[in-house]
Amino acid sequence: MFEVYVIAEAAKEYDRLAGNEKQWVDAAIQKLKERGEGIGEPLGNTKYARLQTYKKVKHRKLGLRMIFREEKQQTNVITVIAIGKRTDEKIYKDAHKRL
């Protein structure tokens, strides 16, 4: 079992989501608790952000993404740093600012 922490900025993004979007985020966090980094797609470095050690899970229909990583200093701890839509790469830029 993994512990999942959501940083304050990501929690604010969560609060702004609609009900069905929050349900998806809750389900994704539950999967992270159960399976850890066994889910998600690895991210790389782009011209917008350096997120090589991070992963994302996404819901295509809702257009939502959640960016997270497993903490190397602590075992079984995952930190969520951004939750939102990809619009103009905003989620990746925001995630990069929070590193």
N, C-alpha and C. Protein backbone atom coordinates (compact mmCIF):
# COMPACT_ATOMS: atom_id res chain seq x y z
N MET A 1 0.84 -1.18 0.00
CA MET A 1 0.00 0.00 0.00
C MET A 1 0.89 1.24 0.00
N PHE A 2 0.51 2.22 -0.79
CA PHE A 2 1.26 3.47 -0.92
C PHE A 2 0.52 4.60 -0.22
N GLU A 3 1.28 5.57 0.28
CA GLU A 3 0.69 6.80 0.81
C GLU A 3 0.72 7.82 -0.33
N VAL A 4 -0.37 8.53 -0.53
CA VAL A 4 -0.45 9.54 -1.58
C VAL A 4 -0.67 10.90 -0.95
N TYR A 5 0.22 11.84 -1.28
CA TYR A 5 0.11 13.22 -0.81
C TYR A 5 -0.20 14.12 -2.00
N VAL A 6 -1.09 15.06 -1.80
CA VAL A 6 -1.45 16.03 -2.83
C VAL A 6 -0.98 17.39 -2.35
N ILE A 7 -0.08 18.02 -3.12
CA ILE A 7 0.42 19.33 -2.68
C ILE A 7 -0.71 20.36 -2.72
N ALA A 8 -0.52 21.47 -2.03
CA ALA A 8 -1.58 22.48 -1.86
C ALA A 8 -2.11 23.01 -3.19
N GLU A 9 -1.21 23.29 -4.14
CA GLU A 9 -1.65 23.82 -5.43
C GLU A 9 -2.53 22.82 -6.16
N ALA A 10 -2.16 21.54 -6.12
CA ALA A 10 -2.96 20.50 -6.77
C ALA A 10 -4.30 20.33 -6.05
N ALA A 11 -4.31 20.50 -4.74
CA ALA A 11 -5.57 20.41 -3.98
C ALA A 11 -6.52 21.54 -4.39
N LYS A 12 -5.98 22.72 -4.65
CA LYS A 12 -6.81 23.84 -5.12
C LYS A 12 -7.38 23.53 -6.50
N GLU A 13 -6.56 22.92 -7.36
CA GLU A 13 -7.05 22.53 -8.69
C GLU A 13 -8.17 21.50 -8.55
N TYR A 14 -8.01 20.57 -7.63
CA TYR A 14 -9.03 19.55 -7.38
C TYR A 14 -10.34 20.21 -6.94
N ASP A 15 -10.26 21.19 -6.06
CA ASP A 15 -11.45 21.87 -5.56
C ASP A 15 -12.24 22.56 -6.67
N ARG A 16 -11.56 22.97 -7.74
CA ARG A 16 -12.24 23.66 -8.85
C ARG A 16 -12.87 22.71 -9.86
N LEU A 17 -12.66 21.40 -9.72
CA LEU A 17 -13.20 20.43 -10.67
C LEU A 17 -14.69 20.22 -10.47
N ALA A 18 -15.34 19.75 -11.54
CA ALA A 18 -16.76 19.37 -11.46
C ALA A 18 -16.87 18.02 -10.75
N GLY A 19 -18.08 17.66 -10.37
CA GLY A 19 -18.31 16.43 -9.60
C GLY A 19 -17.79 15.17 -10.26
N ASN A 20 -18.08 14.97 -11.57
CA ASN A 20 -17.62 13.75 -12.24
C ASN A 20 -16.10 13.75 -12.41
N GLU A 21 -15.49 14.93 -12.53
CA GLU A 21 -14.04 15.01 -12.63
C GLU A 21 -13.40 14.65 -11.29
N LYS A 22 -14.01 15.10 -10.20
CA LYS A 22 -13.50 14.75 -8.87
C LYS A 22 -13.60 13.24 -8.64
N GLN A 23 -14.67 12.63 -9.13
CA GLN A 23 -14.83 11.17 -8.98
C GLN A 23 -13.69 10.45 -9.68
N TRP A 24 -13.32 10.91 -10.87
CA TRP A 24 -12.22 10.27 -11.60
C TRP A 24 -10.90 10.44 -10.84
N VAL A 25 -10.64 11.65 -10.33
CA VAL A 25 -9.41 11.89 -9.57
C VAL A 25 -9.37 11.01 -8.33
N ASP A 26 -10.49 10.91 -7.63
CA ASP A 26 -10.55 10.05 -6.44
C ASP A 26 -10.22 8.60 -6.79
N ALA A 27 -10.77 8.12 -7.91
CA ALA A 27 -10.50 6.74 -8.35
C ALA A 27 -9.04 6.57 -8.73
N ALA A 28 -8.46 7.57 -9.40
CA ALA A 28 -7.05 7.50 -9.79
C ALA A 28 -6.14 7.49 -8.56
N ILE A 29 -6.48 8.29 -7.55
CA ILE A 29 -5.69 8.30 -6.32
C ILE A 29 -5.80 6.96 -5.61
N GLN A 30 -6.97 6.37 -5.62
CA GLN A 30 -7.14 5.05 -5.01
C GLN A 30 -6.27 4.01 -5.71
N LYS A 31 -6.20 4.07 -7.05
CA LYS A 31 -5.34 3.15 -7.79
C LYS A 31 -3.88 3.38 -7.43
N LEU A 32 -3.49 4.64 -7.26
CA LEU A 32 -2.11 4.94 -6.85
C LEU A 32 -1.82 4.33 -5.49
N LYS A 33 -2.76 4.42 -4.57
CA LYS A 33 -2.57 3.84 -3.24
C LYS A 33 -2.38 2.34 -3.32
N GLU A 34 -3.10 1.70 -4.22
CA GLU A 34 -3.05 0.25 -4.32
C GLU A 34 -1.86 -0.25 -5.14
N ARG A 35 -1.56 0.44 -6.25
CA ARG A 35 -0.56 -0.08 -7.18
C ARG A 35 0.67 0.79 -7.34
N GLY A 36 0.67 1.95 -6.75
CA GLY A 36 1.84 2.82 -6.82
C GLY A 36 2.18 3.24 -8.23
N GLU A 37 3.46 3.24 -8.54
CA GLU A 37 3.91 3.67 -9.86
C GLU A 37 3.65 2.63 -10.93
N GLY A 38 2.92 1.58 -10.60
CA GLY A 38 2.56 0.58 -11.60
C GLY A 38 1.55 1.11 -12.60
N ILE A 39 1.01 2.29 -12.35
CA ILE A 39 0.07 2.89 -13.30
C ILE A 39 0.67 4.16 -13.86
N GLY A 40 0.11 4.62 -14.95
CA GLY A 40 0.54 5.89 -15.53
C GLY A 40 1.57 5.74 -16.62
N GLU A 41 1.75 6.83 -17.35
CA GLU A 41 2.73 6.90 -18.43
C GLU A 41 3.88 7.81 -18.00
N PRO A 42 5.11 7.40 -18.27
CA PRO A 42 6.25 8.25 -17.91
C PRO A 42 6.25 9.53 -18.74
N LEU A 43 6.64 10.61 -18.13
CA LEU A 43 6.78 11.89 -18.83
C LEU A 43 8.25 12.11 -19.15
N GLY A 44 8.50 12.97 -20.08
CA GLY A 44 9.87 13.30 -20.44
C GLY A 44 10.10 14.79 -20.33
N ASN A 45 11.19 15.22 -20.92
CA ASN A 45 11.50 16.65 -20.94
C ASN A 45 10.99 17.24 -22.25
N THR A 46 10.37 18.40 -22.16
CA THR A 46 9.89 19.11 -23.34
C THR A 46 10.42 20.53 -23.29
N LYS A 47 10.06 21.31 -24.30
CA LYS A 47 10.49 22.71 -24.26
C LYS A 47 9.75 23.48 -23.18
N TYR A 48 8.63 22.91 -22.69
CA TYR A 48 7.84 23.57 -21.66
C TYR A 48 8.27 23.18 -20.25
N ALA A 49 8.72 21.93 -20.08
CA ALA A 49 8.93 21.45 -18.72
C ALA A 49 9.91 20.29 -18.69
N ARG A 50 10.59 20.15 -17.57
CA ARG A 50 11.49 19.02 -17.34
C ARG A 50 10.83 18.11 -16.31
N LEU A 51 10.14 17.09 -16.81
CA LEU A 51 9.36 16.20 -15.94
C LEU A 51 9.78 14.75 -16.12
N GLN A 52 11.05 14.52 -16.36
CA GLN A 52 11.54 13.19 -16.67
C GLN A 52 11.26 12.16 -15.58
N THR A 53 11.26 12.53 -14.34
CA THR A 53 11.06 11.56 -13.25
C THR A 53 9.60 11.44 -12.84
N TYR A 54 8.70 12.07 -13.58
CA TYR A 54 7.28 12.08 -13.24
C TYR A 54 6.48 11.19 -14.18
N LYS A 55 5.24 10.89 -13.76
CA LYS A 55 4.31 10.12 -14.57
C LYS A 55 2.98 10.86 -14.61
N LYS A 56 2.14 10.43 -15.55
CA LYS A 56 0.80 11.01 -15.63
C LYS A 56 -0.22 9.90 -15.81
N VAL A 57 -1.41 10.15 -15.32
CA VAL A 57 -2.57 9.34 -15.66
C VAL A 57 -3.56 10.32 -16.28
N LYS A 58 -4.30 9.83 -17.27
CA LYS A 58 -5.22 10.74 -17.93
C LYS A 58 -6.54 10.06 -18.23
N HIS A 59 -7.55 10.88 -18.35
CA HIS A 59 -8.89 10.44 -18.74
C HIS A 59 -9.18 11.14 -20.06
N ARG A 60 -9.17 10.39 -21.13
CA ARG A 60 -9.31 10.99 -22.46
C ARG A 60 -10.62 11.74 -22.63
N LYS A 61 -11.71 11.13 -22.21
CA LYS A 61 -13.02 11.74 -22.42
C LYS A 61 -13.15 13.06 -21.66
N LEU A 62 -12.68 13.09 -20.43
CA LEU A 62 -12.75 14.32 -19.63
C LEU A 62 -11.64 15.30 -19.96
N GLY A 63 -10.57 14.81 -20.57
CA GLY A 63 -9.43 15.66 -20.89
C GLY A 63 -8.57 16.01 -19.69
N LEU A 64 -8.71 15.25 -18.62
CA LEU A 64 -7.97 15.52 -17.38
C LEU A 64 -6.67 14.73 -17.31
N ARG A 65 -5.70 15.33 -16.63
CA ARG A 65 -4.45 14.66 -16.35
C ARG A 65 -4.09 14.89 -14.89
N MET A 66 -3.37 13.92 -14.33
CA MET A 66 -2.85 14.06 -12.98
C MET A 66 -1.37 13.68 -13.05
N ILE A 67 -0.51 14.57 -12.59
CA ILE A 67 0.94 14.36 -12.66
C ILE A 67 1.45 14.05 -11.26
N PHE A 68 2.29 13.00 -11.17
CA PHE A 68 2.76 12.53 -9.87
C PHE A 68 4.14 11.89 -10.00
N ARG A 69 4.75 11.61 -8.85
CA ARG A 69 5.99 10.83 -8.83
C ARG A 69 6.12 10.12 -7.50
N GLU A 70 6.89 9.04 -7.52
CA GLU A 70 7.20 8.33 -6.29
C GLU A 70 8.42 9.00 -5.68
N GLU A 71 8.32 9.30 -4.40
CA GLU A 71 9.43 9.96 -3.70
C GLU A 71 10.57 8.97 -3.51
N LYS A 72 11.75 9.37 -3.91
CA LYS A 72 12.92 8.48 -3.81
C LYS A 72 13.46 8.40 -2.39
N GLN A 73 13.26 9.46 -1.59
CA GLN A 73 13.78 9.47 -0.22
C GLN A 73 12.93 8.60 0.71
N GLN A 74 11.67 8.40 0.35
CA GLN A 74 10.75 7.64 1.20
C GLN A 74 10.11 6.54 0.36
N THR A 75 10.12 5.33 0.88
CA THR A 75 9.50 4.25 0.14
C THR A 75 7.98 4.31 0.28
N ASN A 76 7.32 3.89 -0.77
CA ASN A 76 5.86 3.81 -0.82
C ASN A 76 5.16 5.15 -0.57
N VAL A 77 5.78 6.23 -1.02
CA VAL A 77 5.16 7.56 -0.91
C VAL A 77 5.10 8.17 -2.31
N ILE A 78 3.91 8.62 -2.69
CA ILE A 78 3.69 9.25 -4.00
C ILE A 78 3.15 10.65 -3.77
N THR A 79 3.67 11.61 -4.54
CA THR A 79 3.23 12.99 -4.44
C THR A 79 2.57 13.42 -5.75
N VAL A 80 1.36 13.94 -5.64
CA VAL A 80 0.64 14.48 -6.80
C VAL A 80 0.94 15.97 -6.85
N ILE A 81 1.45 16.45 -8.01
CA ILE A 81 1.84 17.85 -8.09
C ILE A 81 0.93 18.70 -8.98
N ALA A 82 0.11 18.07 -9.82
CA ALA A 82 -0.78 18.85 -10.68
C ALA A 82 -1.97 18.02 -11.11
N ILE A 83 -3.13 18.68 -11.20
CA ILE A 83 -4.36 18.05 -11.67
C ILE A 83 -5.03 19.06 -12.59
N GLY A 84 -5.32 18.67 -13.83
CA GLY A 84 -6.01 19.61 -14.71
C GLY A 84 -6.01 19.17 -16.15
N LYS A 85 -6.43 20.08 -17.01
CA LYS A 85 -6.51 19.81 -18.44
C LYS A 85 -5.23 20.26 -19.11
N ARG A 86 -4.99 19.71 -20.29
CA ARG A 86 -3.75 19.97 -21.00
C ARG A 86 -3.74 21.31 -21.73
N THR A 87 -4.81 22.01 -21.78
CA THR A 87 -4.96 23.23 -22.55
C THR A 87 -3.66 24.03 -22.63
N ASP A 88 -3.16 24.18 -23.87
CA ASP A 88 -1.92 24.94 -24.13
C ASP A 88 -0.76 24.48 -23.25
N GLU A 89 -0.70 23.19 -22.95
CA GLU A 89 0.38 22.61 -22.14
C GLU A 89 0.42 23.18 -20.73
N LYS A 90 -0.65 23.84 -20.30
CA LYS A 90 -0.68 24.53 -19.01
C LYS A 90 -0.36 23.60 -17.84
N ILE A 91 -0.92 22.40 -17.84
CA ILE A 91 -0.68 21.50 -16.70
C ILE A 91 0.80 21.17 -16.57
N TYR A 92 1.49 21.00 -17.71
CA TYR A 92 2.91 20.66 -17.66
C TYR A 92 3.74 21.86 -17.22
N LYS A 93 3.37 23.04 -17.68
CA LYS A 93 4.07 24.26 -17.24
C LYS A 93 3.88 24.49 -15.74
N ASP A 94 2.65 24.31 -15.28
CA ASP A 94 2.37 24.46 -13.84
C ASP A 94 3.16 23.45 -13.02
N ALA A 95 3.18 22.20 -13.49
CA ALA A 95 3.92 21.15 -12.77
C ALA A 95 5.40 21.51 -12.68
N HIS A 96 5.96 22.00 -13.77
CA HIS A 96 7.38 22.36 -13.79
C HIS A 96 7.68 23.49 -12.79
N LYS A 97 6.78 24.45 -12.67
CA LYS A 97 6.98 25.56 -11.72
C LYS A 97 6.98 25.07 -10.28
N ARG A 98 6.30 23.96 -10.03
CA ARG A 98 6.15 23.46 -8.65
C ARG A 98 7.29 22.54 -8.22
N LEU A 99 8.23 22.29 -9.09
CA LEU A 99 9.33 21.39 -8.73
C LEU A 99 10.28 22.05 -7.75
